[in-house]
């Protein structure tokens, strides 16, 4: 394997978890915005559960850092239920 290929592989090995974390943070903000806009936490949680058919619902911390570029299903369901609890009086 040429040296350039090794360097490129190492670069992506290091940068992928970093970019995944940045994307996950942005997606988390987008989810919060969506909850505020739609005000349908049950529907949001339901969709997050449906995503678990092809994605692990509760990854370990290491799995989430390395492989997930979106919040986990557990994180999304928890966010929706916390939003619902905070807005019960409205």
PDB file of N, CA and C in Angstrom:
ATOM      1  N   UNK A   1       0.855  -1.182   0.000  1.00  0.00           N
ATOM      2  CA  UNK A   1       0.000   0.000   0.000  1.00  0.00           C
ATOM      3  C   UNK A   1       0.900   1.244   0.000  1.00  0.00           C
ATOM      4  N   UNK A   2       0.659   2.153  -0.901  1.00  0.00           N
ATOM      5  CA  UNK A   2       1.491   3.359  -0.942  1.00  0.00           C
ATOM      6  C   UNK A   2       1.332   4.182   0.348  1.00  0.00           C
ATOM      7  N   UNK A   3       2.356   4.945   0.648  1.00  0.00           N
ATOM      8  CA  UNK A   3       2.369   5.763   1.858  1.00  0.00           C
ATOM      9  C   UNK A   3       1.186   6.727   1.897  1.00  0.00           C
ATOM     10  N   UNK A   4       0.831   7.289   0.750  1.00  0.00           N
ATOM     11  CA  UNK A   4      -0.306   8.215   0.690  1.00  0.00           C
ATOM     12  C   UNK A   4      -1.594   7.534   1.150  1.00  0.00           C
ATOM     13  N   UNK A   5      -1.783   6.283   0.754  1.00  0.00           N
ATOM     14  CA  UNK A   5      -2.971   5.536   1.159  1.00  0.00           C
ATOM     15  C   UNK A   5      -3.027   5.311   2.660  1.00  0.00           C
ATOM     16  N   UNK A   6      -1.884   5.031   3.248  1.00  0.00           N
ATOM     17  CA  UNK A   6      -1.814   4.824   4.700  1.00  0.00           C
ATOM     18  C   UNK A   6      -2.137   6.130   5.420  1.00  0.00           C
ATOM     19  N   UNK A   7      -1.558   7.211   4.967  1.00  0.00           N
ATOM     20  CA  UNK A   7      -1.802   8.523   5.585  1.00  0.00           C
ATOM     21  C   UNK A   7      -3.270   8.903   5.454  1.00  0.00           C
ATOM     22  N   UNK A   8      -3.823   8.691   4.286  1.00  0.00           N
ATOM     23  CA  UNK A   8      -5.236   9.009   4.058  1.00  0.00           C
ATOM     24  C   UNK A   8      -6.144   8.168   4.952  1.00  0.00           C
ATOM     25  N   UNK A   9      -5.830   6.900   5.094  1.00  0.00           N
ATOM     26  CA  UNK A   9      -6.617   6.019   5.967  1.00  0.00           C
ATOM     27  C   UNK A   9      -6.554   6.476   7.415  1.00  0.00           C
ATOM     28  N   UNK A  10      -5.373   6.833   7.880  1.00  0.00           N
ATOM     29  CA  UNK A  10      -5.222   7.322   9.252  1.00  0.00           C
ATOM     30  C   UNK A  10      -5.973   8.635   9.459  1.00  0.00           C
ATOM     31  N   UNK A  11      -5.910   9.497   8.465  1.00  0.00           N
ATOM     32  CA  UNK A  11      -6.630  10.771   8.534  1.00  0.00           C
ATOM     33  C   UNK A  11      -8.128  10.520   8.732  1.00  0.00           C
ATOM     34  N   UNK A  12      -8.712   9.661   7.911  1.00  0.00           N
ATOM     35  CA  UNK A  12     -10.147   9.391   8.019  1.00  0.00           C
ATOM     36  C   UNK A  12     -10.489   8.643   9.300  1.00  0.00           C
ATOM     37  N   UNK A  13      -9.575   7.824   9.788  1.00  0.00           N
ATOM     38  CA  UNK A  13      -9.790   7.135  11.058  1.00  0.00           C
ATOM     39  C   UNK A  13      -9.936   8.142  12.201  1.00  0.00           C
ATOM     40  N   UNK A  14      -9.173   9.210  12.154  1.00  0.00           N
ATOM     41  CA  UNK A  14      -9.220  10.243  13.194  1.00  0.00           C
ATOM     42  C   UNK A  14     -10.370  11.224  12.957  1.00  0.00           C
ATOM     43  N   UNK A  15     -10.567  11.644  11.734  1.00  0.00           N
ATOM     44  CA  UNK A  15     -11.525  12.714  11.445  1.00  0.00           C
ATOM     45  C   UNK A  15     -12.982  12.257  11.470  1.00  0.00           C
ATOM     46  N   UNK A  16     -13.251  11.000  11.167  1.00  0.00           N
ATOM     47  CA  UNK A  16     -14.636  10.519  11.104  1.00  0.00           C
ATOM     48  C   UNK A  16     -15.384  10.691  12.426  1.00  0.00           C
ATOM     49  N   UNK A  17     -14.830  10.272  13.570  1.00  0.00           N
ATOM     50  CA  UNK A  17     -15.560  10.497  14.824  1.00  0.00           C
ATOM     51  C   UNK A  17     -15.786  11.991  15.119  1.00  0.00           C
ATOM     52  N   UNK A  18     -14.844  12.812  14.719  1.00  0.00           N
ATOM     53  CA  UNK A  18     -15.004  14.261  14.951  1.00  0.00           C
ATOM     54  C   UNK A  18     -16.134  14.828  14.100  1.00  0.00           C
ATOM     55  N   UNK A  19     -16.144  14.492  12.829  1.00  0.00           N
ATOM     56  CA  UNK A  19     -17.214  15.010  11.963  1.00  0.00           C
ATOM     57  C   UNK A  19     -18.563  14.422  12.359  1.00  0.00           C
ATOM     58  N   UNK A  20     -18.578  13.136  12.734  1.00  0.00           N
ATOM     59  CA  UNK A  20     -19.835  12.541  13.198  1.00  0.00           C
ATOM     60  C   UNK A  20     -20.375  13.280  14.424  1.00  0.00           C
ATOM     61  N   UNK A  21     -19.492  13.649  15.337  1.00  0.00           N
ATOM     62  CA  UNK A  21     -19.921  14.371  16.541  1.00  0.00           C
ATOM     63  C   UNK A  21     -20.498  15.740  16.191  1.00  0.00           C
ATOM     64  N   UNK A  22     -19.850  16.443  15.267  1.00  0.00           N
ATOM     65  CA  UNK A  22     -20.359  17.754  14.860  1.00  0.00           C
ATOM     66  C   UNK A  22     -21.724  17.635  14.178  1.00  0.00           C
ATOM     67  N   UNK A  23     -21.862  16.653  13.317  1.00  0.00           N
ATOM     68  CA  UNK A  23     -23.142  16.439  12.636  1.00  0.00           C
ATOM     69  C   UNK A  23     -24.214  16.050  13.650  1.00  0.00           C
ATOM     70  N   UNK A  24     -23.853  15.179  14.607  1.00  0.00           N
ATOM     71  CA  UNK A  24     -24.807  14.744  15.628  1.00  0.00           C
ATOM     72  C   UNK A  24     -25.303  15.925  16.465  1.00  0.00           C
ATOM     73  N   UNK A  25     -24.424  16.842  16.801  1.00  0.00           N
ATOM     74  CA  UNK A  25     -24.810  18.033  17.559  1.00  0.00           C
ATOM     75  C   UNK A  25     -25.784  18.880  16.745  1.00  0.00           C
ATOM     76  N   UNK A  26     -25.479  19.089  15.464  1.00  0.00           N
ATOM     77  CA  UNK A  26     -26.383  19.864  14.601  1.00  0.00           C
ATOM     78  C   UNK A  26     -27.731  19.177  14.445  1.00  0.00           C
ATOM     79  N   UNK A  27     -27.729  17.863  14.299  1.00  0.00           N
ATOM     80  CA  UNK A  27     -28.984  17.109  14.173  1.00  0.00           C
ATOM     81  C   UNK A  27     -29.801  17.183  15.454  1.00  0.00           C
ATOM     82  N   UNK A  28     -29.121  17.201  16.580  1.00  0.00           N
ATOM     83  CA  UNK A  28     -29.806  17.340  17.860  1.00  0.00           C
ATOM     84  C   UNK A  28     -30.527  18.683  17.945  1.00  0.00           C
ATOM     85  N   UNK A  29     -29.858  19.738  17.482  1.00  0.00           N
ATOM     86  CA  UNK A  29     -30.488  21.063  17.436  1.00  0.00           C
ATOM     87  C   UNK A  29     -31.671  21.071  16.460  1.00  0.00           C
ATOM     88  N   UNK A  30     -31.517  20.406  15.337  1.00  0.00           N
ATOM     89  CA  UNK A  30     -32.608  20.322  14.363  1.00  0.00           C
ATOM     90  C   UNK A  30     -33.797  19.567  14.946  1.00  0.00           C
ATOM     91  N   UNK A  31     -33.526  18.504  15.699  1.00  0.00           N
ATOM     92  CA  UNK A  31     -34.608  17.758  16.352  1.00  0.00           C
ATOM     93  C   UNK A  31     -35.353  18.647  17.346  1.00  0.00           C
ATOM     94  N   UNK A  32     -34.603  19.423  18.127  1.00  0.00           N
ATOM     95  CA  UNK A  32     -35.230  20.327  19.096  1.00  0.00           C
ATOM     96  C   UNK A  32     -36.092  21.362  18.383  1.00  0.00           C
ATOM     97  N   UNK A  33     -35.603  21.892  17.281  1.00  0.00           N
ATOM     98  CA  UNK A  33     -36.376  22.848  16.499  1.00  0.00           C
ATOM     99  C   UNK A  33     -37.665  22.203  15.974  1.00  0.00           C
ATOM    100  N   UNK A  34     -37.534  20.982  15.463  1.00  0.00           N
ATOM    101  CA  UNK A  34     -38.692  20.263  14.944  1.00  0.00           C
ATOM    102  C   UNK A  34     -39.740  20.007  16.013  1.00  0.00           C
ATOM    103  N   UNK A  35     -39.293  19.666  17.217  1.00  0.00           N
ATOM    104  CA  UNK A  35     -40.239  19.463  18.322  1.00  0.00           C
ATOM    105  C   UNK A  35     -40.972  20.759  18.649  1.00  0.00           C
ATOM    106  N   UNK A  36     -40.252  21.854  18.680  1.00  0.00           N
ATOM    107  CA  UNK A  36     -40.883  23.147  18.974  1.00  0.00           C
ATOM    108  C   UNK A  36     -41.856  23.551  17.870  1.00  0.00           C
ATOM    109  N   UNK A  37     -41.479  23.306  16.631  1.00  0.00           N
ATOM    110  CA  UNK A  37     -42.315  23.715  15.504  1.00  0.00           C
ATOM    111  C   UNK A  37     -43.573  22.859  15.386  1.00  0.00           C
ATOM    112  N   UNK A  38     -43.418  21.556  15.480  1.00  0.00           N
ATOM    113  CA  UNK A  38     -44.547  20.647  15.265  1.00  0.00           C
ATOM    114  C   UNK A  38     -45.352  20.401  16.542  1.00  0.00           C
ATOM    115  N   UNK A  39     -44.674  20.447  17.675  1.00  0.00           N
ATOM    116  CA  UNK A  39     -45.298  20.183  18.980  1.00  0.00           C
ATOM    117  C   UNK A  39     -46.015  18.827  18.977  1.00  0.00           C
ATOM    118  N   UNK A  40     -45.350  17.832  18.412  1.00  0.00           N
ATOM    119  CA  UNK A  40     -45.878  16.461  18.336  1.00  0.00           C
ATOM    120  C   UNK A  40     -44.826  15.475  18.851  1.00  0.00           C
ATOM    121  N   UNK A  41     -44.575  15.494  20.156  1.00  0.00           N
ATOM    122  CA  UNK A  41     -43.515  14.628  20.682  1.00  0.00           C
ATOM    123  C   UNK A  41     -43.811  13.140  20.522  1.00  0.00           C
ATOM    124  N   UNK A  42     -45.086  12.749  20.575  1.00  0.00           N
ATOM    125  CA  UNK A  42     -45.409  11.331  20.420  1.00  0.00           C
ATOM    126  C   UNK A  42     -45.093  10.849  19.003  1.00  0.00           C
ATOM    127  N   UNK A  43     -45.421  11.664  18.017  1.00  0.00           N
ATOM    128  CA  UNK A  43     -45.106  11.315  16.638  1.00  0.00           C
ATOM    129  C   UNK A  43     -43.606  11.272  16.404  1.00  0.00           C
ATOM    130  N   UNK A  44     -42.897  12.225  17.003  1.00  0.00           N
ATOM    131  CA  UNK A  44     -41.441  12.274  16.873  1.00  0.00           C
ATOM    132  C   UNK A  44     -40.821  11.015  17.473  1.00  0.00           C
ATOM    133  N   UNK A  45     -41.291  10.624  18.662  1.00  0.00           N
ATOM    134  CA  UNK A  45     -40.766   9.429  19.325  1.00  0.00           C
ATOM    135  C   UNK A  45     -41.115   8.173  18.522  1.00  0.00           C
ATOM    136  N   UNK A  46     -42.308   8.140  17.956  1.00  0.00           N
ATOM    137  CA  UNK A  46     -42.734   6.995  17.165  1.00  0.00           C
ATOM    138  C   UNK A  46     -41.821   6.791  15.949  1.00  0.00           C
ATOM    139  N   UNK A  47     -41.498   7.866  15.285  1.00  0.00           N
ATOM    140  CA  UNK A  47     -40.601   7.776  14.127  1.00  0.00           C
ATOM    141  C   UNK A  47     -39.208   7.343  14.569  1.00  0.00           C
ATOM    142  N   UNK A  48     -38.734   7.863  15.691  1.00  0.00           N
ATOM    143  CA  UNK A  48     -37.416   7.453  16.197  1.00  0.00           C
ATOM    144  C   UNK A  48     -37.392   5.954  16.475  1.00  0.00           C
ATOM    145  N   UNK A  49     -38.488   5.415  16.971  1.00  0.00           N
ATOM    146  CA  UNK A  49     -38.565   3.973  17.232  1.00  0.00           C
ATOM    147  C   UNK A  49     -38.583   3.183  15.924  1.00  0.00           C
ATOM    148  N   UNK A  50     -39.248   3.708  14.912  1.00  0.00           N
ATOM    149  CA  UNK A  50     -39.277   3.010  13.617  1.00  0.00           C
ATOM    150  C   UNK A  50     -37.889   2.956  12.992  1.00  0.00           C
ATOM    151  N   UNK A  51     -37.084   3.973  13.237  1.00  0.00           N
ATOM    152  CA  UNK A  51     -35.716   3.978  12.718  1.00  0.00           C
ATOM    153  C   UNK A  51     -34.886   2.855  13.328  1.00  0.00           C
ATOM    154  N   UNK A  52     -35.304   2.355  14.484  1.00  0.00           N
ATOM    155  CA  UNK A  52     -34.539   1.299  15.146  1.00  0.00           C
ATOM    156  C   UNK A  52     -34.643  -0.033  14.410  1.00  0.00           C
ATOM    157  N   UNK A  53     -35.492  -0.100  13.397  1.00  0.00           N
ATOM    158  CA  UNK A  53     -35.579  -1.324  12.606  1.00  0.00           C
ATOM    159  C   UNK A  53     -34.298  -1.571  11.822  1.00  0.00           C
ATOM    160  N   UNK A  54     -33.585  -0.507  11.495  1.00  0.00           N
ATOM    161  CA  UNK A  54     -32.343  -0.684  10.747  1.00  0.00           C
ATOM    162  C   UNK A  54     -31.143  -0.043  11.432  1.00  0.00           C
ATOM    163  N   UNK A  55     -31.367   0.547  12.591  1.00  0.00           N
ATOM    164  CA  UNK A  55     -30.304   1.219  13.330  1.00  0.00           C
ATOM    165  C   UNK A  55     -30.408   0.853  14.791  1.00  0.00           C
ATOM    166  N   UNK A  56     -29.320   0.633  15.440  1.00  0.00           N
ATOM    167  CA  UNK A  56     -29.322   0.269  16.850  1.00  0.00           C
ATOM    168  C   UNK A  56     -29.944   1.400  17.666  1.00  0.00           C
ATOM    169  N   UNK A  57     -30.931   1.077  18.490  1.00  0.00           N
ATOM    170  CA  UNK A  57     -31.676   2.097  19.234  1.00  0.00           C
ATOM    171  C   UNK A  57     -30.844   2.693  20.376  1.00  0.00           C
ATOM    172  N   UNK A  58     -30.003   1.854  20.997  1.00  0.00           N
ATOM    173  CA  UNK A  58     -29.220   2.328  22.134  1.00  0.00           C
ATOM    174  C   UNK A  58     -27.763   1.865  22.002  1.00  0.00           C
ATOM    175  N   UNK A  59     -26.981   2.580  21.208  1.00  0.00           N
ATOM    176  CA  UNK A  59     -25.581   2.188  21.029  1.00  0.00           C
ATOM    177  C   UNK A  59     -24.766   2.525  22.275  1.00  0.00           C
ATOM    178  N   UNK A  60     -23.631   1.872  22.397  1.00  0.00           N
ATOM    179  CA  UNK A  60     -22.708   2.256  23.466  1.00  0.00           C
ATOM    180  C   UNK A  60     -22.134   3.632  23.115  1.00  0.00           C
ATOM    181  N   UNK A  61     -21.507   4.252  24.084  1.00  0.00           N
ATOM    182  CA  UNK A  61     -20.922   5.582  23.844  1.00  0.00           C
ATOM    183  C   UNK A  61     -19.886   5.521  22.721  1.00  0.00           C
ATOM    184  N   UNK A  62     -19.049   4.483  22.726  1.00  0.00           N
ATOM    185  CA  UNK A  62     -18.031   4.354  21.687  1.00  0.00           C
ATOM    186  C   UNK A  62     -18.656   4.140  20.308  1.00  0.00           C
ATOM    187  N   UNK A  63     -19.689   3.301  20.230  1.00  0.00           N
ATOM    188  CA  UNK A  63     -20.376   3.079  18.951  1.00  0.00           C
ATOM    189  C   UNK A  63     -20.969   4.381  18.424  1.00  0.00           C
ATOM    190  N   UNK A  64     -21.572   5.147  19.321  1.00  0.00           N
ATOM    191  CA  UNK A  64     -22.188   6.402  18.887  1.00  0.00           C
ATOM    192  C   UNK A  64     -21.141   7.382  18.384  1.00  0.00           C
ATOM    193  N   UNK A  65     -20.031   7.487  19.068  1.00  0.00           N
ATOM    194  CA  UNK A  65     -18.975   8.416  18.666  1.00  0.00           C
ATOM    195  C   UNK A  65     -18.384   8.027  17.311  1.00  0.00           C
ATOM    196  N   UNK A  66     -18.143   6.745  17.122  1.00  0.00           N
ATOM    197  CA  UNK A  66     -17.455   6.300  15.910  1.00  0.00           C
ATOM    198  C   UNK A  66     -18.391   6.154  14.714  1.00  0.00           C
ATOM    199  N   UNK A  67     -19.582   5.582  14.931  1.00  0.00           N
ATOM    200  CA  UNK A  67     -20.414   5.178  13.799  1.00  0.00           C
ATOM    201  C   UNK A  67     -21.666   6.025  13.554  1.00  0.00           C
ATOM    202  N   UNK A  68     -22.125   6.781  14.526  1.00  0.00           N
ATOM    203  CA  UNK A  68     -23.400   7.476  14.388  1.00  0.00           C
ATOM    204  C   UNK A  68     -23.186   8.946  14.046  1.00  0.00           C
ATOM    205  N   UNK A  69     -23.801   9.381  12.938  1.00  0.00           N
ATOM    206  CA  UNK A  69     -23.747  10.802  12.592  1.00  0.00           C
ATOM    207  C   UNK A  69     -25.076  11.483  12.888  1.00  0.00           C
ATOM    208  N   UNK A  70     -26.004  10.775  13.522  1.00  0.00           N
ATOM    209  CA  UNK A  70     -27.275  11.327  13.990  1.00  0.00           C
ATOM    210  C   UNK A  70     -27.482  10.845  15.422  1.00  0.00           C
ATOM    211  N   UNK A  71     -28.284  11.552  16.207  1.00  0.00           N
ATOM    212  CA  UNK A  71     -28.534  11.082  17.568  1.00  0.00           C
ATOM    213  C   UNK A  71     -29.161   9.686  17.553  1.00  0.00           C
ATOM    214  N   UNK A  72     -28.884   8.920  18.579  1.00  0.00           N
ATOM    215  CA  UNK A  72     -29.449   7.572  18.663  1.00  0.00           C
ATOM    216  C   UNK A  72     -30.957   7.657  18.894  1.00  0.00           C
ATOM    217  N   UNK A  73     -31.627   6.561  18.643  1.00  0.00           N
ATOM    218  CA  UNK A  73     -33.071   6.511  18.877  1.00  0.00           C
ATOM    219  C   UNK A  73     -33.419   6.788  20.325  1.00  0.00           C
ATOM    220  N   UNK A  74     -32.634   6.237  21.237  1.00  0.00           N
ATOM    221  CA  UNK A  74     -32.882   6.483  22.664  1.00  0.00           C
ATOM    222  C   UNK A  74     -32.778   7.976  22.979  1.00  0.00           C
ATOM    223  N   UNK A  75     -31.768   8.618  22.439  1.00  0.00           N
ATOM    224  CA  UNK A  75     -31.587  10.055  22.672  1.00  0.00           C
ATOM    225  C   UNK A  75     -32.783  10.836  22.136  1.00  0.00           C
ATOM    226  N   UNK A  76     -33.260  10.468  20.961  1.00  0.00           N
ATOM    227  CA  UNK A  76     -34.380  11.169  20.345  1.00  0.00           C
ATOM    228  C   UNK A  76     -35.684  10.937  21.106  1.00  0.00           C
ATOM    229  N   UNK A  77     -35.932   9.707  21.521  1.00  0.00           N
ATOM    230  CA  UNK A  77     -37.155   9.412  22.286  1.00  0.00           C
ATOM    231  C   UNK A  77     -37.107  10.136  23.630  1.00  0.00           C
ATOM    232  N   UNK A  78     -35.949  10.099  24.281  1.00  0.00           N
ATOM    233  CA  UNK A  78     -35.794  10.800  25.565  1.00  0.00           C
ATOM    234  C   UNK A  78     -36.042  12.296  25.395  1.00  0.00           C
ATOM    235  N   UNK A  79     -35.499  12.875  24.335  1.00  0.00           N
ATOM    236  CA  UNK A  79     -35.703  14.299  24.077  1.00  0.00           C
ATOM    237  C   UNK A  79     -37.188  14.609  23.892  1.00  0.00           C
ATOM    238  N   UNK A  80     -37.884  13.763  23.143  1.00  0.00           N
ATOM    239  CA  UNK A  80     -39.307  13.985  22.884  1.00  0.00           C
ATOM    240  C   UNK A  80     -40.117  13.886  24.165  1.00  0.00           C
ATOM    241  N   UNK A  81     -39.812  12.908  25.002  1.00  0.00           N
ATOM    242  CA  UNK A  81     -40.570  12.737  26.244  1.00  0.00           C
ATOM    243  C   UNK A  81     -40.257  13.831  27.257  1.00  0.00           C
ATOM    244  N   UNK A  82     -39.013  14.309  27.272  1.00  0.00           N
ATOM    245  CA  UNK A  82     -38.668  15.444  28.139  1.00  0.00           C
ATOM    246  C   UNK A  82     -39.385  16.703  27.669  1.00  0.00           C
ATOM    247  N   UNK A  83     -39.449  16.900  26.352  1.00  0.00           N
ATOM    248  CA  UNK A  83     -40.162  18.045  25.799  1.00  0.00           C
ATOM    249  C   UNK A  83     -41.632  17.964  26.200  1.00  0.00           C
ATOM    250  N   UNK A  84     -42.209  16.788  26.075  1.00  0.00           N
ATOM    251  CA  UNK A  84     -43.630  16.597  26.419  1.00  0.00           C
ATOM    252  C   UNK A  84     -43.872  16.891  27.896  1.00  0.00           C
ATOM    253  N   UNK A  85     -42.987  16.402  28.760  1.00  0.00           N
ATOM    254  CA  UNK A  85     -43.141  16.649  30.203  1.00  0.00           C
ATOM    255  C   UNK A  85     -43.027  18.136  30.520  1.00  0.00           C
ATOM    256  N   UNK A  86     -42.141  18.831  29.839  1.00  0.00           N
ATOM    257  CA  UNK A  86     -41.966  20.263  30.063  1.00  0.00           C
ATOM    258  C   UNK A  86     -43.138  21.092  29.554  1.00  0.00           C
ATOM    259  N   UNK A  87     -43.931  20.560  28.628  1.00  0.00           N
ATOM    260  CA  UNK A  87     -45.006  21.319  28.009  1.00  0.00           C
ATOM    261  C   UNK A  87     -46.408  20.772  28.340  1.00  0.00           C
ATOM    262  N   UNK A  88     -46.518  19.973  29.379  1.00  0.00           N
ATOM    263  CA  UNK A  88     -47.825  19.396  29.749  1.00  0.00           C
ATOM    264  C   UNK A  88     -48.826  20.460  30.171  1.00  0.00           C
ATOM    265  N   UNK A  89     -48.350  21.528  30.766  1.00  0.00           N
ATOM    266  CA  UNK A  89     -49.256  22.560  31.286  1.00  0.00           C
ATOM    267  C   UNK A  89     -49.843  23.428  30.181  1.00  0.00           C
ATOM    268  N   UNK A  90     -49.254  23.417  29.017  1.00  0.00           N
ATOM    269  CA  UNK A  90     -49.709  24.301  27.947  1.00  0.00           C
ATOM    270  C   UNK A  90     -50.970  23.804  27.288  1.00  0.00           C
TER     271      UNK A  90
END
